[in-house]
Amino acid sequence: MNRIPALDSIRGLLLVLMTINHLIWISGGRSVLQYFSLQPLGQFGAAEGFVFISGLLAGAVYCRSEYSNRETTQKVLNRAFTIYKYHIASLFIVMLWFSLCIFAFPSAATSLGSSFNNLLEAPIATIALSALLINKPDFLEILPLYIMFMLILPLVLVAFRKGYLWLVLAGSVVVWAFSGSITSSALSALLTSVAPNFKAQFGYFDPFAWQLLFVSGAALGFKQRQGTLNWHHPIITGIAGLFAIGMFAAHHGAFLSWGIHQGVLYNLADKPELGWLRLLNLAAWIYLIAVVIRTAPNALVFKPLGYVGQYSLQVFTWQTVLIFACAPFLNSVRLSPYYTALVLACTATLWVVAWWQDSRNKASNTLPKTALLASTFALILTASFVSTRQDASPAITEVLDVNQSYPLTVTVKDIKEDDADMILLIYTDADDLTGAPSEHFGTYTTEQMRNGVTLAPIQSGDYAILVFQDLDKNMMLSLNASGFPSEGFGFSNNPILQGPPTFDMIKFSHNKTQAKTIHMVNMY
């Protein structure tokens, strides 16, 4: 199968979108870029497309008729080992960076999230289990998934060649259907008995669910290589188009009056378990894109993105290191007006890596390119060090006069829906953050919260704010089946969250008239 420029461009676009999202997520920021990078077309994102295309190309490349089953197996395993080496390299670079931050720049380590908490308590177990692809830290699990799927690919291709393609697909669907019932509790218990201080991170994505994307992609690639894929039909095109338009409209709130909001959609389009609505939405767009490529092969070709897409393994490995290296710096400027520009500047380094790899492939003098890549990385680390030093400056302890009361104004940004009330809760240090607050509980319109709500004077003390949008009108922050909020929410201090916050993470001292701006987190 000859290289398809449109697929390179699409893969390059997916890499750019994932990099932007990861930079924003790990730094706890908000950006207008997320309107275009975070599931812009419906209930699916860049990661799903990336895994599917990986399967499609693998199925097409490794099923050539001139390869025997032994040769196919050897080539696939060699590729899997290459991917593994890139993963291990990025994993240990990031681990070293985290270790350096812990001992030399503690404030920087907090901006890296909880990806490597086990590294301090059980370093040997963390390194060994990560190398075995069992422990998968945050933002470091796409390549392990890819490796796992490549290891089963030889068996899949042999079955395809023997005429069992539909049987393999049926088996893949069955595994996906029961993936939610396959838990990691037994493996967790085994690991705990070996390393009591180690709490494994099995990753955000369920491999038993996500294998369906890779296997179905491989099946399509195989059929395309064999020349037996008869897929195009005007009626199917029309159905796919109507479904895609309907999902796009629902995703962007066109049917809120019917009670169809993001919370409802996400319950049917769960991402870790690959919900059926997510699969259908993705399948519709895959079909429509295939129609466009078939009709106008160059319509989706964009050479700058295709340049990045050609070197997806090297570029993806770089972005893994990049997001951790940039996290402390971007976290320190996440509320600044130039945050979006800095995210784009970091993302632009993907092209430096593609240029470097292209030079290596052409056997040209790579010293200038290597120097540029090293200088780029050094500049990013320097920015992170400088921002960490600034954040590490000693804080001035504030003395509270408990006999005084002061007004408090709360303004909320990044509200996604306009037709649902906002709930504002203010907690004291004696309250349970999962229960009702003792200081304030109020309902406001989105317009009021955008313009700022000024509360009656509040007595001096330490407080914490939670605000959420009550989409389902139950006066509670609702969660989906995976335990994630299905409504927009935000906390004082706009913390980087890896789970429910503690009071210390979101508390602020109220000893004067002040205003707090809260940026909503919309995970649905």
Protein backbone atom coordinates (compact mmCIF):
# COMPACT_ATOMS: atom_id res chain seq x y z
CA MET A 1 0.00 0.00 0.00
CA ASN A 2 1.52 3.27 -1.12
CA ARG A 3 1.73 6.18 1.31
CA ILE A 4 -1.52 8.14 1.38
CA PRO A 5 -0.69 11.85 1.88
CA ALA A 6 -4.14 12.58 3.34
CA LEU A 7 -3.57 10.01 6.11
CA ASP A 8 -0.22 11.59 6.94
CA SER A 9 -1.94 14.98 7.19
CA ILE A 10 -4.71 13.59 9.39
CA ARG A 11 -2.20 11.82 11.63
CA GLY A 12 -0.18 15.04 11.89
CA LEU A 13 -3.34 16.95 12.84
CA LEU A 14 -4.15 14.39 15.54
CA LEU A 15 -0.63 14.72 16.97
CA VAL A 16 -0.97 18.50 17.11
CA LEU A 17 -4.39 18.28 18.81
CA MET A 18 -3.15 15.77 21.39
CA THR A 19 -0.11 17.92 22.16
CA ILE A 20 -2.24 21.03 22.68
CA ASN A 21 -4.69 19.17 24.92
CA HIS A 22 -1.93 17.54 26.98
CA LEU A 23 -0.06 20.82 27.47
CA ILE A 24 -3.24 22.49 28.70
CA TRP A 25 -4.36 19.61 30.91
CA ILE A 26 -1.03 19.06 32.64
CA SER A 27 -0.56 22.78 33.31
CA GLY A 28 -4.13 23.27 34.56
CA GLY A 29 -4.83 26.09 32.12
CA ARG A 30 -7.73 27.16 29.93
CA SER A 31 -7.48 28.27 26.33
CA VAL A 32 -9.67 29.15 23.38
CA LEU A 33 -7.68 26.46 21.57
CA GLN A 34 -9.76 23.83 23.35
CA TYR A 35 -12.81 24.80 21.30
CA PHE A 36 -10.91 23.40 18.31
CA SER A 37 -8.71 20.73 19.93
CA LEU A 38 -11.06 19.06 22.41
CA GLN A 39 -13.60 16.89 20.58
CA PRO A 40 -14.68 19.64 18.15
CA LEU A 41 -16.72 17.36 15.85
CA GLY A 42 -18.63 15.28 18.37
CA GLN A 43 -18.20 12.66 21.06
CA PHE A 44 -14.73 11.48 20.07
CA GLY A 45 -11.22 12.90 20.24
CA ALA A 46 -7.77 12.71 18.70
CA ALA A 47 -6.60 9.65 20.64
CA GLU A 48 -9.32 7.41 19.19
CA GLY A 49 -8.45 8.47 15.64
CA PHE A 50 -4.74 7.96 16.29
CA VAL A 51 -5.22 4.38 17.52
CA PHE A 52 -7.54 3.54 14.62
CA ILE A 53 -5.13 4.87 11.97
CA SER A 54 -2.28 2.96 13.64
CA GLY A 55 -4.27 -0.26 13.24
CA LEU A 56 -5.30 0.61 9.67
CA LEU A 57 -1.71 1.18 8.54
CA ALA A 58 -0.37 -1.82 10.46
CA GLY A 59 -2.95 -4.11 8.87
CA ALA A 60 -2.12 -2.80 5.40
CA VAL A 61 1.66 -2.74 5.71
CA TYR A 62 2.30 -6.14 7.32
CA CYS A 63 -0.14 -8.30 5.33
CA ARG A 64 1.69 -8.17 2.00
CA SER A 65 1.31 -11.38 0.04
CA GLU A 66 5.07 -11.71 -0.39
CA TYR A 67 5.52 -12.02 3.38
CA SER A 68 5.21 -15.46 4.92
CA ASN A 69 3.57 -15.75 8.34
CA ARG A 70 7.03 -16.04 9.89
CA GLU A 71 8.27 -12.93 8.09
CA THR A 72 5.15 -11.01 9.05
CA THR A 73 5.58 -11.98 12.69
CA GLN A 74 9.24 -10.99 12.69
CA LYS A 75 8.58 -7.59 11.12
CA VAL A 76 5.70 -6.81 13.47
CA LEU A 77 7.73 -7.80 16.54
CA ASN A 78 10.67 -5.71 15.34
CA ARG A 79 8.36 -2.73 15.00
CA ALA A 80 6.88 -3.37 18.44
CA PHE A 81 10.39 -3.44 19.91
CA THR A 82 11.23 -0.15 18.19
CA ILE A 83 8.13 1.45 19.69
CA TYR A 84 9.08 -0.03 23.08
CA LYS A 85 12.55 1.55 22.92
CA TYR A 86 11.05 4.97 22.21
CA HIS A 87 8.59 4.53 25.07
CA ILE A 88 11.31 3.49 27.53
CA ALA A 89 13.47 6.45 26.49
CA SER A 90 10.65 8.95 27.07
CA LEU A 91 9.60 7.21 30.30
CA PHE A 92 13.02 7.41 31.92
CA ILE A 93 13.70 10.98 30.74
CA VAL A 94 10.44 12.05 32.37
CA MET A 95 11.24 10.05 35.53
CA LEU A 96 14.63 11.75 35.77
CA TRP A 97 12.99 15.15 35.33
CA PHE A 98 10.47 14.35 38.07
CA SER A 99 13.25 13.16 40.41
CA LEU A 100 15.25 16.33 39.77
CA CYS A 101 12.20 18.46 40.54
CA ILE A 102 11.49 16.56 43.76
CA PHE A 103 14.95 17.12 45.21
CA ALA A 104 15.97 20.46 43.67
CA PHE A 105 12.70 22.23 42.79
CA PRO A 106 9.87 20.81 44.96
CA SER A 107 7.33 23.40 43.80
CA ALA A 108 7.82 22.26 40.20
CA ALA A 109 7.01 18.67 41.10
CA THR A 110 3.48 19.62 42.15
CA SER A 111 2.74 20.85 38.62
CA LEU A 112 3.59 17.39 37.24
CA GLY A 113 0.52 15.89 38.86
CA SER A 114 0.39 12.45 40.45
CA SER A 115 2.03 10.56 37.58
CA PHE A 116 5.06 9.48 39.58
CA ASN A 117 3.99 9.50 43.21
CA ASN A 118 5.06 5.86 43.47
CA LEU A 119 8.60 6.73 42.42
CA LEU A 120 9.42 8.01 45.90
CA GLU A 121 7.82 5.24 47.98
CA ALA A 122 8.73 2.29 45.73
CA PRO A 123 11.29 3.35 43.11
CA ILE A 124 12.40 -0.12 42.03
CA ALA A 125 8.84 -1.43 41.68
CA THR A 126 7.79 1.71 39.80
CA ILE A 127 10.64 1.48 37.30
CA ALA A 128 10.32 -2.30 36.82
CA LEU A 129 6.53 -2.36 36.41
CA SER A 130 6.60 0.68 34.13
CA ALA A 131 9.19 -1.06 31.96
CA LEU A 132 6.89 -4.11 31.86
CA LEU A 133 4.01 -1.86 30.70
CA ILE A 134 1.96 -2.73 33.78
CA ASN A 135 2.31 0.64 35.46
CA LYS A 136 1.24 3.38 33.06
CA PRO A 137 1.59 6.94 34.42
CA ASP A 138 -0.65 9.74 33.20
CA PHE A 139 0.09 10.86 29.62
CA LEU A 140 2.39 7.85 29.14
CA GLU A 141 -0.03 5.14 28.09
CA ILE A 142 -0.70 5.53 24.36
CA LEU A 143 2.58 3.88 23.32
CA PRO A 144 2.11 0.97 25.78
CA LEU A 145 -1.34 0.41 24.25
CA TYR A 146 0.20 0.47 20.78
CA ILE A 147 2.86 -2.06 21.83
CA MET A 148 0.26 -4.41 23.33
CA PHE A 149 -1.82 -4.27 20.18
CA MET A 150 1.22 -4.85 17.97
CA LEU A 151 2.07 -7.98 19.98
CA ILE A 152 -1.30 -9.53 19.14
CA LEU A 153 -1.21 -8.33 15.51
CA PRO A 154 0.66 -11.40 14.11
CA LEU A 155 -2.08 -13.70 15.40
CA VAL A 156 -4.74 -11.37 14.03
CA LEU A 157 -3.14 -11.24 10.56
CA VAL A 158 -2.67 -15.00 10.38
CA ALA A 159 -6.36 -15.44 11.21
CA PHE A 160 -7.25 -12.89 8.51
CA ARG A 161 -5.22 -14.82 5.95
CA LYS A 162 -6.99 -18.05 6.86
CA GLY A 163 -10.39 -16.47 6.23
CA TYR A 164 -11.39 -15.81 9.84
CA LEU A 165 -11.59 -12.02 9.56
CA TRP A 166 -15.24 -11.78 10.58
CA LEU A 167 -14.69 -14.24 13.42
CA VAL A 168 -11.79 -12.11 14.72
CA LEU A 169 -13.92 -8.97 14.49
CA ALA A 170 -16.77 -10.70 16.33
CA GLY A 171 -14.38 -11.76 19.07
CA SER A 172 -13.04 -8.22 19.32
CA VAL A 173 -16.57 -6.86 19.70
CA VAL A 174 -17.34 -9.41 22.44
CA VAL A 175 -14.18 -8.43 24.36
CA TRP A 176 -15.16 -4.77 24.01
CA ALA A 177 -18.72 -5.47 25.18
CA PHE A 178 -17.48 -7.15 28.37
CA SER A 179 -14.47 -4.87 28.93
CA GLY A 180 -16.23 -3.03 31.75
CA SER A 181 -16.46 -6.31 33.67
CA ILE A 182 -12.73 -6.98 33.39
CA THR A 183 -11.21 -5.24 36.41
CA SER A 184 -7.66 -4.84 37.65
CA SER A 185 -8.48 -5.80 41.24
CA ALA A 186 -6.80 -9.21 41.06
CA LEU A 187 -3.63 -7.74 39.58
CA SER A 188 -3.70 -4.94 42.16
CA ALA A 189 -3.92 -7.48 44.99
CA LEU A 190 -0.97 -9.42 43.55
CA LEU A 191 1.15 -6.30 43.21
CA THR A 192 0.27 -5.18 46.74
CA SER A 193 1.49 -8.50 48.14
CA VAL A 194 4.83 -8.04 46.36
CA ALA A 195 5.24 -4.28 46.93
CA PRO A 196 2.98 -3.07 49.79
CA ASN A 197 3.87 0.61 49.27
CA PHE A 198 3.17 0.50 45.55
CA LYS A 199 -0.15 1.57 44.10
CA ALA A 200 -0.14 0.75 40.40
CA GLN A 201 -1.52 3.10 37.76
CA PHE A 202 -3.17 0.91 35.14
CA GLY A 203 -3.92 3.81 32.85
CA TYR A 204 -6.93 5.86 31.82
CA PHE A 205 -7.78 3.80 28.73
CA ASP A 206 -9.15 0.28 29.05
CA PRO A 207 -7.05 -1.83 26.65
CA PHE A 208 -9.79 -4.47 26.41
CA ALA A 209 -12.11 -1.80 25.03
CA TRP A 210 -9.65 0.12 22.89
CA GLN A 211 -8.38 -3.00 21.13
CA LEU A 212 -11.56 -2.80 19.04
CA LEU A 213 -10.28 0.36 17.35
CA PHE A 214 -6.95 -1.23 16.47
CA VAL A 215 -8.36 -4.59 15.36
CA SER A 216 -11.10 -3.03 13.22
CA GLY A 217 -8.53 -0.69 11.69
CA ALA A 218 -6.25 -3.64 10.94
CA ALA A 219 -9.16 -5.51 9.32
CA LEU A 220 -9.92 -2.57 7.02
CA GLY A 221 -6.24 -2.21 6.16
CA PHE A 222 -6.03 -5.92 5.36
CA LYS A 223 -9.13 -5.84 3.14
CA GLN A 224 -7.85 -2.74 1.36
CA ARG A 225 -4.49 -4.41 0.70
CA GLN A 226 -6.23 -7.51 -0.66
CA GLY A 227 -8.41 -5.36 -2.91
CA THR A 228 -11.61 -6.91 -1.52
CA LEU A 229 -12.96 -3.93 0.40
CA ASN A 230 -16.27 -2.87 -1.17
CA TRP A 231 -17.44 -0.16 1.15
CA HIS A 232 -18.74 2.84 -0.76
CA HIS A 233 -22.49 3.33 -1.20
CA PRO A 234 -24.46 6.60 -1.53
CA ILE A 235 -27.12 5.54 0.98
CA ILE A 236 -24.51 4.72 3.64
CA THR A 237 -22.80 8.03 2.90
CA GLY A 238 -26.09 9.86 3.46
CA ILE A 239 -26.81 8.03 6.72
CA ALA A 240 -23.28 8.68 8.00
CA GLY A 241 -23.56 12.35 7.07
CA LEU A 242 -26.91 12.83 8.80
CA PHE A 243 -25.70 11.03 11.92
CA ALA A 244 -22.50 13.10 12.02
CA ILE A 245 -24.48 16.34 11.67
CA GLY A 246 -26.92 15.28 14.38
CA MET A 247 -24.13 14.37 16.79
CA PHE A 248 -22.30 17.62 16.03
CA ALA A 249 -25.46 19.58 16.83
CA ALA A 250 -26.16 17.63 20.03
CA HIS A 251 -22.51 17.95 21.09
CA HIS A 252 -22.75 21.73 20.80
CA GLY A 253 -26.02 22.05 22.73
CA ALA A 254 -28.63 22.23 19.98
CA PHE A 255 -31.00 19.88 21.83
CA LEU A 256 -30.77 21.18 25.39
CA SER A 257 -34.51 21.90 25.40
CA TRP A 258 -35.05 18.16 24.94
CA GLY A 259 -32.83 17.34 27.89
CA ILE A 260 -29.94 16.18 25.70
CA HIS A 261 -26.82 17.73 27.21
CA GLN A 262 -23.20 16.72 27.58
CA GLY A 263 -23.86 14.69 30.71
CA VAL A 264 -26.39 12.51 28.85
CA LEU A 265 -24.13 12.15 25.82
CA TYR A 266 -21.05 11.22 27.81
CA ASN A 267 -22.87 8.46 29.67
CA LEU A 268 -23.39 6.83 26.26
CA ALA A 269 -19.99 7.82 24.87
CA ASP A 270 -17.70 6.97 27.77
CA LYS A 271 -14.07 7.50 26.74
CA PRO A 272 -12.05 5.03 28.90
CA GLU A 273 -14.47 2.19 28.11
CA LEU A 274 -15.18 3.41 24.56
CA GLY A 275 -18.96 3.78 24.81
CA TRP A 276 -21.12 2.68 21.87
CA LEU A 277 -22.12 6.23 20.96
CA ARG A 278 -18.46 7.26 20.78
CA LEU A 279 -17.77 4.33 18.47
CA LEU A 280 -20.68 5.16 16.17
CA ASN A 281 -19.75 8.85 16.06
CA LEU A 282 -16.14 7.99 15.20
CA ALA A 283 -17.21 5.40 12.61
CA ALA A 284 -19.44 7.94 10.84
CA TRP A 285 -16.57 10.40 10.49
CA ILE A 286 -14.13 7.69 9.39
CA TYR A 287 -16.54 6.73 6.63
CA LEU A 288 -17.08 10.33 5.53
CA ILE A 289 -13.35 11.04 5.48
CA ALA A 290 -12.81 7.88 3.42
CA VAL A 291 -15.41 9.15 0.94
CA VAL A 292 -13.59 12.48 0.65
CA ILE A 293 -10.22 10.75 0.09
CA ARG A 294 -11.78 8.45 -2.51
CA THR A 295 -13.45 11.34 -4.34
CA ALA A 296 -10.70 13.95 -4.05
CA PRO A 297 -7.43 12.35 -2.85
CA ASN A 298 -5.67 15.66 -2.27
CA ALA A 299 -8.54 17.56 -0.63
CA LEU A 300 -7.36 16.74 2.89
CA VAL A 301 -3.64 17.04 2.17
CA PHE A 302 -1.85 19.78 4.09
CA LYS A 303 1.90 19.40 3.73
CA PRO A 304 2.97 20.97 7.06
CA LEU A 305 0.74 18.50 8.95
CA GLY A 306 1.76 15.65 6.65
CA TYR A 307 5.42 16.41 7.43
CA VAL A 308 4.73 15.83 11.14
CA GLY A 309 2.52 12.82 10.44
CA GLN A 310 5.26 11.00 8.52
CA TYR A 311 7.34 10.77 11.69
CA SER A 312 4.55 10.08 14.15
CA LEU A 313 6.56 7.81 16.47
CA GLN A 314 9.41 10.28 16.96
CA VAL A 315 7.03 13.24 17.22
CA PHE A 316 4.73 11.50 19.68
CA THR A 317 7.70 10.51 21.85
CA TRP A 318 8.88 14.11 21.85
CA GLN A 319 5.48 15.44 22.85
CA THR A 320 5.45 13.07 25.83
CA VAL A 321 8.70 14.57 27.12
CA LEU A 322 7.66 18.06 26.06
CA ILE A 323 4.48 18.25 28.14
CA PHE A 324 6.27 17.27 31.35
CA ALA A 325 9.17 19.63 30.66
CA CYS A 326 6.78 22.52 29.97
CA ALA A 327 4.38 21.82 32.84
CA PRO A 328 6.03 23.96 35.58
CA PHE A 329 6.49 26.96 33.27
CA LEU A 330 3.02 26.80 31.69
CA ASN A 331 1.43 26.24 35.10
CA SER A 332 3.00 29.48 36.38
CA VAL A 333 1.49 31.49 33.49
CA ARG A 334 -1.78 29.58 33.02
CA LEU A 335 -3.94 32.59 33.92
CA SER A 336 -1.92 35.10 31.91
CA PRO A 337 -3.15 36.60 28.60
CA TYR A 338 -0.25 35.08 26.65
CA TYR A 339 -0.80 31.50 27.87
CA THR A 340 -2.38 30.41 24.56
CA ALA A 341 0.54 31.82 22.55
CA LEU A 342 3.01 29.90 24.72
CA VAL A 343 1.07 26.65 24.27
CA LEU A 344 1.24 27.17 20.50
CA ALA A 345 4.96 27.94 20.69
CA CYS A 346 5.60 24.69 22.56
CA THR A 347 3.46 22.78 20.05
CA ALA A 348 5.50 24.25 17.17
CA THR A 349 8.52 22.26 18.37
CA LEU A 350 6.88 19.16 16.85
CA TRP A 351 8.11 20.39 13.48
CA VAL A 352 11.68 20.67 14.80
CA VAL A 353 11.59 16.96 15.68
CA ALA A 354 10.13 16.04 12.28
CA TRP A 355 12.86 18.10 10.58
CA TRP A 356 15.53 16.39 12.68
CA GLN A 357 14.22 12.90 11.86
CA ASP A 358 13.88 13.79 8.17
CA SER A 359 17.54 14.85 8.13
CA ARG A 360 18.57 11.58 9.78
CA ASN A 361 16.68 9.57 7.17
CA LYS A 362 18.35 11.49 4.36
CA ALA A 363 21.78 10.89 5.94
CA SER A 364 22.55 14.61 5.83
CA ASN A 365 24.56 16.49 8.43
CA THR A 366 22.32 16.32 11.49
CA LEU A 367 24.63 18.22 13.85
CA PRO A 368 22.93 21.63 13.32
CA LYS A 369 19.49 20.04 13.64
CA THR A 370 20.51 18.14 16.78
CA ALA A 371 21.93 21.35 18.25
CA LEU A 372 18.66 23.15 17.51
CA LEU A 373 16.60 20.36 19.11
CA ALA A 374 18.85 20.30 22.18
CA SER A 375 18.72 24.10 22.43
CA THR A 376 14.91 24.01 22.23
CA PHE A 377 14.75 21.48 25.05
CA ALA A 378 17.26 23.47 27.13
CA LEU A 379 15.21 26.64 26.64
CA ILE A 380 12.05 24.88 27.83
CA LEU A 381 13.79 23.51 30.94
CA THR A 382 15.31 26.93 31.68
CA ALA A 383 11.87 28.55 31.52
CA SER A 384 10.54 25.91 33.91
CA PHE A 385 13.46 26.44 36.31
CA VAL A 386 12.99 30.22 36.31
CA SER A 387 9.25 29.99 36.89
CA THR A 388 9.86 27.48 39.69
CA ARG A 389 12.31 29.80 41.40
CA GLN A 390 9.76 32.59 41.28
CA ASP A 391 7.02 30.37 42.67
CA ALA A 392 9.35 29.17 45.44
CA SER A 393 9.73 32.65 46.94
CA PRO A 394 8.67 32.65 50.58
CA ALA A 395 5.06 33.57 51.20
CA ILE A 396 4.09 36.26 53.65
CA THR A 397 1.90 34.94 56.40
CA GLU A 398 -1.35 36.83 56.57
CA VAL A 399 -2.82 37.72 59.96
CA LEU A 400 -6.59 37.44 60.10
CA ASP A 401 -8.77 39.69 62.22
CA VAL A 402 -11.65 37.34 63.04
CA ASN A 403 -13.78 40.25 64.24
CA GLN A 404 -13.98 41.83 60.79
CA SER A 405 -16.17 40.97 57.81
CA TYR A 406 -15.49 41.83 54.18
CA PRO A 407 -17.41 41.53 50.88
CA LEU A 408 -16.42 38.80 48.44
CA THR A 409 -17.06 38.91 44.69
CA VAL A 410 -17.00 35.67 42.70
CA THR A 411 -16.74 35.69 38.90
CA VAL A 412 -16.86 32.55 36.75
CA LYS A 413 -15.23 32.14 33.34
CA ASP A 414 -15.42 29.41 30.68
CA ILE A 415 -19.10 28.59 31.27
CA LYS A 416 -20.06 26.15 28.53
CA GLU A 417 -23.86 26.09 28.72
CA ASP A 418 -26.12 29.15 28.90
CA ASP A 419 -29.46 27.59 29.89
CA ALA A 420 -28.65 26.00 33.25
CA ASP A 421 -28.30 27.61 36.68
CA MET A 422 -25.00 27.97 38.50
CA ILE A 423 -24.60 26.72 42.08
CA LEU A 424 -22.13 28.62 44.28
CA LEU A 425 -20.91 27.00 47.51
CA ILE A 426 -18.49 28.48 50.04
CA TYR A 427 -16.96 26.13 52.62
CA THR A 428 -15.14 26.77 55.89
CA ASP A 429 -12.26 24.62 57.12
CA ALA A 430 -14.71 22.78 59.40
CA ASP A 431 -16.93 21.65 56.51
CA ASP A 432 -16.87 18.41 54.54
CA LEU A 433 -16.26 19.28 50.88
CA THR A 434 -18.55 16.43 49.82
CA GLY A 435 -21.45 17.80 51.86
CA ALA A 436 -23.34 21.06 52.28
CA PRO A 437 -21.35 24.22 53.09
CA SER A 438 -21.96 26.21 56.26
CA GLU A 439 -21.03 29.62 54.85
CA HIS A 440 -22.97 30.02 51.58
CA PHE A 441 -25.17 28.06 49.19
CA GLY A 442 -26.72 30.02 46.35
CA THR A 443 -28.23 29.62 42.88
CA TYR A 444 -27.42 32.16 40.16
CA THR A 445 -27.85 32.61 36.43
CA THR A 446 -24.93 32.25 34.06
CA GLU A 447 -25.12 35.98 33.30
CA GLN A 448 -24.81 36.83 36.98
CA MET A 449 -21.78 34.59 37.45
CA ARG A 450 -20.08 35.89 34.31
CA ASN A 451 -20.53 39.47 35.51
CA GLY A 452 -19.57 38.66 39.10
CA VAL A 453 -21.68 38.01 42.18
CA THR A 454 -20.89 40.14 45.24
CA LEU A 455 -21.89 38.45 48.49
CA ALA A 456 -22.75 40.05 51.80
CA PRO A 457 -19.70 40.65 54.03
CA ILE A 458 -18.12 37.38 55.18
CA GLN A 459 -16.22 37.07 58.44
CA SER A 460 -12.44 36.85 58.17
CA GLY A 461 -11.11 33.31 57.89
CA ASP A 462 -10.05 30.57 55.50
CA TYR A 463 -12.62 29.53 52.90
CA ALA A 464 -12.93 27.37 49.78
CA ILE A 465 -15.24 27.88 46.79
CA LEU A 466 -16.96 25.30 44.61
CA VAL A 467 -19.12 26.37 41.69
CA PHE A 468 -20.85 24.06 39.24
CA GLN A 469 -23.52 24.19 36.56
CA ASP A 470 -26.62 22.25 37.52
CA LEU A 471 -27.48 20.73 34.14
CA ASP A 472 -29.78 18.04 35.54
CA LYS A 473 -31.34 20.35 38.17
CA ASN A 474 -30.65 18.04 41.12
CA MET A 475 -28.71 20.68 43.12
CA MET A 476 -25.66 18.38 43.21
CA LEU A 477 -22.47 18.00 41.18
CA SER A 478 -23.41 14.89 39.20
CA LEU A 479 -20.92 12.18 38.22
CA ASN A 480 -20.99 9.79 35.28
CA ALA A 481 -20.53 6.02 35.42
CA SER A 482 -16.73 6.44 35.49
CA GLY A 483 -16.86 8.74 38.50
CA PHE A 484 -16.02 11.93 36.57
CA PRO A 485 -18.15 15.09 36.83
CA SER A 486 -20.78 15.21 34.11
CA GLU A 487 -21.33 18.94 34.70
CA GLY A 488 -19.00 21.91 34.48
CA PHE A 489 -17.33 22.81 37.79
CA GLY A 490 -14.58 24.97 39.25
CA PHE A 491 -12.76 25.61 42.52
CA SER A 492 -11.04 28.57 44.11
CA ASN A 493 -7.32 28.76 43.22
CA ASN A 494 -8.12 26.94 39.93
CA PRO A 495 -6.00 23.93 40.98
CA ILE A 496 -4.58 21.21 38.74
CA LEU A 497 -6.74 18.23 39.64
CA GLN A 498 -5.90 14.55 39.56
CA GLY A 499 -8.95 13.73 41.68
CA PRO A 500 -11.19 15.41 44.28
CA PRO A 501 -9.30 18.34 45.88
CA THR A 502 -8.46 18.76 49.55
CA PHE A 503 -9.41 21.89 51.45
CA ASP A 504 -5.77 23.02 51.53
CA MET A 505 -5.59 22.91 47.72
CA ILE A 506 -8.48 25.33 47.24
CA LYS A 507 -8.52 27.45 50.39
CA PHE A 508 -7.89 31.19 50.45
CA SER A 509 -7.56 33.72 53.24
CA HIS A 510 -10.37 36.26 53.39
CA ASN A 511 -9.12 39.27 55.35
CA LYS A 512 -10.05 42.11 52.99
CA THR A 513 -12.52 43.04 50.28
CA GLN A 514 -11.52 40.85 47.37
CA ALA A 515 -12.64 39.24 44.12
CA LYS A 516 -12.10 35.64 43.02
CA THR A 517 -12.18 34.45 39.42
CA ILE A 518 -12.92 30.78 38.85
CA HIS A 519 -12.36 29.02 35.54
CA MET A 520 -14.81 26.19 34.86
CA VAL A 521 -13.59 22.70 34.06
CA ASN A 522 -15.84 21.07 31.46
CA MET A 523 -14.89 17.38 31.33
CA TYR A 524 -18.08 16.17 29.69
